[in-house]
Amino acid sequence: MKFHDGCTFGADDVVWNFGRIADQKAPQFFTQQFAFNRAYTTNFGGIEKIDDNTVAITTNFVESLFPYTLSYIP
């Protein structure tokens, strides 16, 4: 996959962006973005890179609507 400017998009980018909105210890953590997305990340437990194109998201509890909820996170 590619970003709109032609740069490669991969698992590292997904992990970085989740760190921005959910990991208060991450250097890229952005308080305002966390506040805007807090309601959609209540079940987010963590994320890890599996390979260059795959991530694994851990949830805090079983929730069938979690993939739908992720679509609200910019």
PDB file of N, CA and C in Angstrom:
ATOM      1  N   MET A   1       0.825  -1.169   0.000  1.00  0.00           N
ATOM      2  CA  MET A   1       0.000   0.000   0.000  1.00  0.00           C
ATOM      3  C   MET A   1       0.878   1.243   0.000  1.00  0.00           C
ATOM      4  N   LYS A   2       0.286   2.332  -0.427  1.00  0.00           N
ATOM      5  CA  LYS A   2       1.007   3.598  -0.487  1.00  0.00           C
ATOM      6  C   LYS A   2       0.166   4.712   0.137  1.00  0.00           C
ATOM      7  N   PHE A   3       0.859   5.690   0.684  1.00  0.00           N
ATOM      8  CA  PHE A   3       0.209   6.922   1.099  1.00  0.00           C
ATOM      9  C   PHE A   3      -0.152   7.711  -0.155  1.00  0.00           C
ATOM     10  N   HIS A   4      -0.921   8.764  -0.006  1.00  0.00           N
ATOM     11  CA  HIS A   4      -1.337   9.586  -1.137  1.00  0.00           C
ATOM     12  C   HIS A   4      -0.149  10.213  -1.876  1.00  0.00           C
ATOM     13  N   ASP A   5       0.973  10.382  -1.192  1.00  0.00           N
ATOM     14  CA  ASP A   5       2.145  10.988  -1.833  1.00  0.00           C
ATOM     15  C   ASP A   5       3.088   9.955  -2.438  1.00  0.00           C
ATOM     16  N   GLY A   6       2.699   8.678  -2.388  1.00  0.00           N
ATOM     17  CA  GLY A   6       3.507   7.629  -2.996  1.00  0.00           C
ATOM     18  C   GLY A   6       4.437   6.899  -2.036  1.00  0.00           C
ATOM     19  N   CYS A   7       4.570   7.376  -0.800  1.00  0.00           N
ATOM     20  CA  CYS A   7       5.421   6.700   0.187  1.00  0.00           C
ATOM     21  C   CYS A   7       4.765   5.392   0.625  1.00  0.00           C
ATOM     22  N   THR A   8       5.582   4.434   0.952  1.00  0.00           N
ATOM     23  CA  THR A   8       5.080   3.139   1.379  1.00  0.00           C
ATOM     24  C   THR A   8       4.373   3.234   2.726  1.00  0.00           C
ATOM     25  N   PHE A   9       3.238   2.546   2.829  1.00  0.00           N
ATOM     26  CA  PHE A   9       2.459   2.460   4.066  1.00  0.00           C
ATOM     27  C   PHE A   9       2.581   1.038   4.585  1.00  0.00           C
ATOM     28  N   GLY A  10       2.922   0.883   5.870  1.00  0.00           N
ATOM     29  CA  GLY A  10       3.083  -0.451   6.419  1.00  0.00           C
ATOM     30  C   GLY A  10       2.724  -0.532   7.889  1.00  0.00           C
ATOM     31  N   ALA A  11       3.044  -1.656   8.477  1.00  0.00           N
ATOM     32  CA  ALA A  11       2.703  -1.923   9.873  1.00  0.00           C
ATOM     33  C   ALA A  11       3.353  -0.921  10.823  1.00  0.00           C
ATOM     34  N   ASP A  12       4.573  -0.497  10.538  1.00  0.00           N
ATOM     35  CA  ASP A  12       5.239   0.482  11.412  1.00  0.00           C
ATOM     36  C   ASP A  12       4.433   1.777  11.509  1.00  0.00           C
ATOM     37  N   ASP A  13       3.808   2.173  10.403  1.00  0.00           N
ATOM     38  CA  ASP A  13       3.002   3.396  10.390  1.00  0.00           C
ATOM     39  C   ASP A  13       1.748   3.242  11.249  1.00  0.00           C
ATOM     40  N   VAL A  14       1.144   2.077  11.198  1.00  0.00           N
ATOM     41  CA  VAL A  14      -0.046   1.813  12.013  1.00  0.00           C
ATOM     42  C   VAL A  14       0.318   1.834  13.496  1.00  0.00           C
ATOM     43  N   VAL A  15       1.402   1.152  13.860  1.00  0.00           N
ATOM     44  CA  VAL A  15       1.848   1.115  15.258  1.00  0.00           C
ATOM     45  C   VAL A  15       2.178   2.524  15.749  1.00  0.00           C
ATOM     46  N   TRP A  16       2.878   3.307  14.922  1.00  0.00           N
ATOM     47  CA  TRP A  16       3.242   4.680  15.292  1.00  0.00           C
ATOM     48  C   TRP A  16       1.980   5.514  15.562  1.00  0.00           C
ATOM     49  N   ASN A  17       0.982   5.398  14.688  1.00  0.00           N
ATOM     50  CA  ASN A  17      -0.237   6.186  14.844  1.00  0.00           C
ATOM     51  C   ASN A  17      -1.047   5.774  16.064  1.00  0.00           C
ATOM     52  N   PHE A  18      -1.086   4.490  16.365  1.00  0.00           N
ATOM     53  CA  PHE A  18      -1.776   4.072  17.584  1.00  0.00           C
ATOM     54  C   PHE A  18      -1.027   4.575  18.815  1.00  0.00           C
ATOM     55  N   GLY A  19       0.286   4.617  18.752  1.00  0.00           N
ATOM     56  CA  GLY A  19       1.062   5.191  19.847  1.00  0.00           C
ATOM     57  C   GLY A  19       0.734   6.651  20.049  1.00  0.00           C
ATOM     58  N   ARG A  20       0.465   7.332  18.972  1.00  0.00           N
ATOM     59  CA  ARG A  20       0.140   8.763  19.027  1.00  0.00           C
ATOM     60  C   ARG A  20      -1.153   9.026  19.785  1.00  0.00           C
ATOM     61  N   ILE A  21      -2.106   8.101  19.684  1.00  0.00           N
ATOM     62  CA  ILE A  21      -3.412   8.343  20.308  1.00  0.00           C
ATOM     63  C   ILE A  21      -3.673   7.513  21.555  1.00  0.00           C
ATOM     64  N   ALA A  22      -2.792   6.536  21.857  1.00  0.00           N
ATOM     65  CA  ALA A  22      -3.138   5.639  22.955  1.00  0.00           C
ATOM     66  C   ALA A  22      -2.017   5.340  23.947  1.00  0.00           C
ATOM     67  N   ASP A  23      -0.781   5.637  23.600  1.00  0.00           N
ATOM     68  CA  ASP A  23       0.345   5.278  24.476  1.00  0.00           C
ATOM     69  C   ASP A  23       0.976   6.530  25.066  1.00  0.00           C
ATOM     70  N   GLN A  24       0.644   6.830  26.310  1.00  0.00           N
ATOM     71  CA  GLN A  24       1.128   8.057  26.938  1.00  0.00           C
ATOM     72  C   GLN A  24       2.643   8.075  27.117  1.00  0.00           C
ATOM     73  N   LYS A  25       3.300   6.933  26.991  1.00  0.00           N
ATOM     74  CA  LYS A  25       4.755   6.870  27.106  1.00  0.00           C
ATOM     75  C   LYS A  25       5.465   7.044  25.762  1.00  0.00           C
ATOM     76  N   ALA A  26       4.711   7.026  24.673  1.00  0.00           N
ATOM     77  CA  ALA A  26       5.302   7.163  23.338  1.00  0.00           C
ATOM     78  C   ALA A  26       5.722   8.611  23.096  1.00  0.00           C
ATOM     79  N   PRO A  27       6.861   8.835  22.444  1.00  0.00           N
ATOM     80  CA  PRO A  27       7.311  10.212  22.188  1.00  0.00           C
ATOM     81  C   PRO A  27       6.365  10.989  21.278  1.00  0.00           C
ATOM     82  N   GLN A  28       5.599  10.288  20.444  1.00  0.00           N
ATOM     83  CA  GLN A  28       4.676  10.961  19.529  1.00  0.00           C
ATOM     84  C   GLN A  28       3.273  11.129  20.122  1.00  0.00           C
ATOM     85  N   PHE A  29       3.078  10.762  21.383  1.00  0.00           N
ATOM     86  CA  PHE A  29       1.760  10.883  22.021  1.00  0.00           C
ATOM     87  C   PHE A  29       1.264  12.319  21.929  1.00  0.00           C
ATOM     88  N   PHE A  30       0.003  12.467  21.534  1.00  0.00           N
ATOM     89  CA  PHE A  30      -0.600  13.788  21.344  1.00  0.00           C
ATOM     90  C   PHE A  30      -1.867  13.858  22.200  1.00  0.00           C
ATOM     91  N   THR A  31      -1.821  14.654  23.246  1.00  0.00           N
ATOM     92  CA  THR A  31      -2.891  14.713  24.237  1.00  0.00           C
ATOM     93  C   THR A  31      -4.239  15.057  23.617  1.00  0.00           C
ATOM     94  N   GLN A  32      -4.285  16.028  22.722  1.00  0.00           N
ATOM     95  CA  GLN A  32      -5.552  16.416  22.104  1.00  0.00           C
ATOM     96  C   GLN A  32      -6.144  15.279  21.284  1.00  0.00           C
ATOM     97  N   GLN A  33      -5.311  14.594  20.525  1.00  0.00           N
ATOM     98  CA  GLN A  33      -5.798  13.479  19.718  1.00  0.00           C
ATOM     99  C   GLN A  33      -6.318  12.359  20.620  1.00  0.00           C
ATOM    100  N   PHE A  34      -5.630  12.124  21.737  1.00  0.00           N
ATOM    101  CA  PHE A  34      -6.094  11.143  22.719  1.00  0.00           C
ATOM    102  C   PHE A  34      -7.476  11.530  23.233  1.00  0.00           C
ATOM    103  N   ALA A  35      -7.667  12.791  23.556  1.00  0.00           N
ATOM    104  CA  ALA A  35      -8.953  13.258  24.082  1.00  0.00           C
ATOM    105  C   ALA A  35     -10.068  13.078  23.058  1.00  0.00           C
ATOM    106  N   PHE A  36      -9.788  13.370  21.791  1.00  0.00           N
ATOM    107  CA  PHE A  36     -10.792  13.219  20.738  1.00  0.00           C
ATOM    108  C   PHE A  36     -11.178  11.767  20.512  1.00  0.00           C
ATOM    109  N   ASN A  37     -10.244  10.850  20.718  1.00  0.00           N
ATOM    110  CA  ASN A  37     -10.470   9.431  20.402  1.00  0.00           C
ATOM    111  C   ASN A  37     -10.696   8.546  21.620  1.00  0.00           C
ATOM    112  N   ARG A  38     -10.689   9.111  22.795  1.00  0.00           N
ATOM    113  CA  ARG A  38     -10.800   8.323  24.028  1.00  0.00           C
ATOM    114  C   ARG A  38     -12.014   7.397  24.019  1.00  0.00           C
ATOM    115  N   ALA A  39     -13.145   7.855  23.556  1.00  0.00           N
ATOM    116  CA  ALA A  39     -14.360   7.032  23.553  1.00  0.00           C
ATOM    117  C   ALA A  39     -14.234   5.819  22.639  1.00  0.00           C
ATOM    118  N   TYR A  40     -13.384   5.901  21.626  1.00  0.00           N
ATOM    119  CA  TYR A  40     -13.234   4.804  20.669  1.00  0.00           C
ATOM    120  C   TYR A  40     -12.087   3.861  21.012  1.00  0.00           C
ATOM    121  N   THR A  41     -11.291   4.209  22.000  1.00  0.00           N
ATOM    122  CA  THR A  41     -10.140   3.371  22.355  1.00  0.00           C
ATOM    123  C   THR A  41     -10.259   2.751  23.744  1.00  0.00           C
ATOM    124  N   THR A  42     -11.448   2.751  24.318  1.00  0.00           N
ATOM    125  CA  THR A  42     -11.613   2.190  25.655  1.00  0.00           C
ATOM    126  C   THR A  42     -11.313   0.697  25.698  1.00  0.00           C
ATOM    127  N   ASN A  43     -11.492   0.004  24.589  1.00  0.00           N
ATOM    128  CA  ASN A  43     -11.238  -1.431  24.538  1.00  0.00           C
ATOM    129  C   ASN A  43      -9.876  -1.749  23.932  1.00  0.00           C
ATOM    130  N   PHE A  44      -9.098  -0.757  23.617  1.00  0.00           N
ATOM    131  CA  PHE A  44      -7.784  -0.962  23.009  1.00  0.00           C
ATOM    132  C   PHE A  44      -6.771  -1.314  24.084  1.00  0.00           C
ATOM    133  N   GLY A  45      -6.186  -2.517  23.980  1.00  0.00           N
ATOM    134  CA  GLY A  45      -5.206  -2.961  24.958  1.00  0.00           C
ATOM    135  C   GLY A  45      -3.776  -2.762  24.506  1.00  0.00           C
ATOM    136  N   GLY A  46      -3.525  -2.923  23.219  1.00  0.00           N
ATOM    137  CA  GLY A  46      -2.184  -2.768  22.690  1.00  0.00           C
ATOM    138  C   GLY A  46      -2.108  -3.177  21.238  1.00  0.00           C
ATOM    139  N   ILE A  47      -0.963  -2.913  20.643  1.00  0.00           N
ATOM    140  CA  ILE A  47      -0.747  -3.234  19.232  1.00  0.00           C
ATOM    141  C   ILE A  47       0.688  -3.678  19.056  1.00  0.00           C
ATOM    142  N   GLU A  48       0.900  -4.651  18.183  1.00  0.00           N
ATOM    143  CA  GLU A  48       2.260  -5.084  17.891  1.00  0.00           C
ATOM    144  C   GLU A  48       2.390  -5.413  16.408  1.00  0.00           C
ATOM    145  N   LYS A  49       3.562  -5.185  15.895  1.00  0.00           N
ATOM    146  CA  LYS A  49       3.867  -5.481  14.502  1.00  0.00           C
ATOM    147  C   LYS A  49       4.189  -6.966  14.376  1.00  0.00           C
ATOM    148  N   ILE A  50       3.521  -7.635  13.444  1.00  0.00           N
ATOM    149  CA  ILE A  50       3.784  -9.046  13.165  1.00  0.00           C
ATOM    150  C   ILE A  50       4.810  -9.161  12.040  1.00  0.00           C
ATOM    151  N   ASP A  51       4.571  -8.444  10.961  1.00  0.00           N
ATOM    152  CA  ASP A  51       5.521  -8.341   9.858  1.00  0.00           C
ATOM    153  C   ASP A  51       5.307  -6.986   9.194  1.00  0.00           C
ATOM    154  N   ASP A  52       5.922  -6.739   8.063  1.00  0.00           N
ATOM    155  CA  ASP A  52       5.864  -5.415   7.443  1.00  0.00           C
ATOM    156  C   ASP A  52       4.452  -4.960   7.078  1.00  0.00           C
ATOM    157  N   ASN A  53       3.531  -5.901   6.904  1.00  0.00           N
ATOM    158  CA  ASN A  53       2.176  -5.546   6.480  1.00  0.00           C
ATOM    159  C   ASN A  53       1.086  -6.010   7.431  1.00  0.00           C
ATOM    160  N   THR A  54       1.462  -6.502   8.609  1.00  0.00           N
ATOM    161  CA  THR A  54       0.480  -7.077   9.523  1.00  0.00           C
ATOM    162  C   THR A  54       0.699  -6.564  10.938  1.00  0.00           C
ATOM    163  N   VAL A  55      -0.401  -6.192  11.600  1.00  0.00           N
ATOM    164  CA  VAL A  55      -0.357  -5.825  13.013  1.00  0.00           C
ATOM    165  C   VAL A  55      -1.355  -6.694  13.772  1.00  0.00           C
ATOM    166  N   ALA A  56      -1.105  -6.876  15.051  1.00  0.00           N
ATOM    167  CA  ALA A  56      -2.036  -7.568  15.935  1.00  0.00           C
ATOM    168  C   ALA A  56      -2.490  -6.578  16.991  1.00  0.00           C
ATOM    169  N   ILE A  57      -3.790  -6.405  17.091  1.00  0.00           N
ATOM    170  CA  ILE A  57      -4.373  -5.499  18.077  1.00  0.00           C
ATOM    171  C   ILE A  57      -4.957  -6.344  19.201  1.00  0.00           C
ATOM    172  N   THR A  58      -4.572  -6.023  20.419  1.00  0.00           N
ATOM    173  CA  THR A  58      -5.093  -6.703  21.599  1.00  0.00           C
ATOM    174  C   THR A  58      -6.187  -5.837  22.212  1.00  0.00           C
ATOM    175  N   THR A  59      -7.308  -6.469  22.523  1.00  0.00           N
ATOM    176  CA  THR A  59      -8.407  -5.746  23.162  1.00  0.00           C
ATOM    177  C   THR A  59      -8.488  -6.131  24.639  1.00  0.00           C
ATOM    178  N   ASN A  60      -9.127  -5.289  25.408  1.00  0.00           N
ATOM    179  CA  ASN A  60      -9.268  -5.542  26.846  1.00  0.00           C
ATOM    180  C   ASN A  60     -10.374  -6.555  27.148  1.00  0.00           C
ATOM    181  N   PHE A  61     -11.348  -6.674  26.245  1.00  0.00           N
ATOM    182  CA  PHE A  61     -12.441  -7.629  26.394  1.00  0.00           C
ATOM    183  C   PHE A  61     -12.989  -7.953  25.010  1.00  0.00           C
ATOM    184  N   VAL A  62     -13.726  -9.053  24.905  1.00  0.00           N
ATOM    185  CA  VAL A  62     -14.306  -9.472  23.630  1.00  0.00           C
ATOM    186  C   VAL A  62     -15.397  -8.493  23.236  1.00  0.00           C
ATOM    187  N   GLU A  63     -15.304  -7.983  22.016  1.00  0.00           N
ATOM    188  CA  GLU A  63     -16.295  -7.012  21.522  1.00  0.00           C
ATOM    189  C   GLU A  63     -16.414  -7.176  20.019  1.00  0.00           C
ATOM    190  N   SER A  64     -17.563  -7.628  19.561  1.00  0.00           N
ATOM    191  CA  SER A  64     -17.756  -7.872  18.131  1.00  0.00           C
ATOM    192  C   SER A  64     -17.748  -6.590  17.307  1.00  0.00           C
ATOM    193  N   LEU A  65     -18.035  -5.461  17.920  1.00  0.00           N
ATOM    194  CA  LEU A  65     -18.086  -4.195  17.190  1.00  0.00           C
ATOM    195  C   LEU A  65     -16.746  -3.456  17.146  1.00  0.00           C
ATOM    196  N   PHE A  66     -15.697  -4.036  17.700  1.00  0.00           N
ATOM    197  CA  PHE A  66     -14.406  -3.340  17.749  1.00  0.00           C
ATOM    198  C   PHE A  66     -13.905  -2.923  16.358  1.00  0.00           C
ATOM    199  N   PRO A  67     -13.946  -3.788  15.334  1.00  0.00           N
ATOM    200  CA  PRO A  67     -13.493  -3.322  14.002  1.00  0.00           C
ATOM    201  C   PRO A  67     -14.302  -2.126  13.501  1.00  0.00           C
ATOM    202  N   TYR A  68     -15.583  -2.117  13.775  1.00  0.00           N
ATOM    203  CA  TYR A  68     -16.437  -0.990  13.399  1.00  0.00           C
ATOM    204  C   TYR A  68     -16.020   0.271  14.153  1.00  0.00           C
ATOM    205  N   THR A  69     -15.745   0.139  15.438  1.00  0.00           N
ATOM    206  CA  THR A  69     -15.332   1.266  16.263  1.00  0.00           C
ATOM    207  C   THR A  69     -14.031   1.875  15.748  1.00  0.00           C
ATOM    208  N   LEU A  70     -13.119   1.039  15.270  1.00  0.00           N
ATOM    209  CA  LEU A  70     -11.839   1.545  14.748  1.00  0.00           C
ATOM    210  C   LEU A  70     -12.024   2.498  13.574  1.00  0.00           C
ATOM    211  N   SER A  71     -13.097   2.332  12.832  1.00  0.00           N
ATOM    212  CA  SER A  71     -13.315   3.198  11.670  1.00  0.00           C
ATOM    213  C   SER A  71     -13.565   4.654  12.055  1.00  0.00           C
ATOM    214  N   TYR A  72     -13.857   4.916  13.319  1.00  0.00           N
ATOM    215  CA  TYR A  72     -14.081   6.288  13.786  1.00  0.00           C
ATOM    216  C   TYR A  72     -12.792   6.996  14.196  1.00  0.00           C
ATOM    217  N   ILE A  73     -11.700   6.274  14.261  1.00  0.00           N
ATOM    218  CA  ILE A  73     -10.427   6.885  14.659  1.00  0.00           C
ATOM    219  C   ILE A  73      -9.739   7.459  13.430  1.00  0.00           C
ATOM    220  N   PRO A  74      -9.505   8.771  13.415  1.00  0.00           N
ATOM    221  CA  PRO A  74      -8.863   9.361  12.225  1.00  0.00           C
ATOM    222  C   PRO A  74      -7.398   8.960  12.106  1.00  0.00           C
TER     223      PRO A  74
END
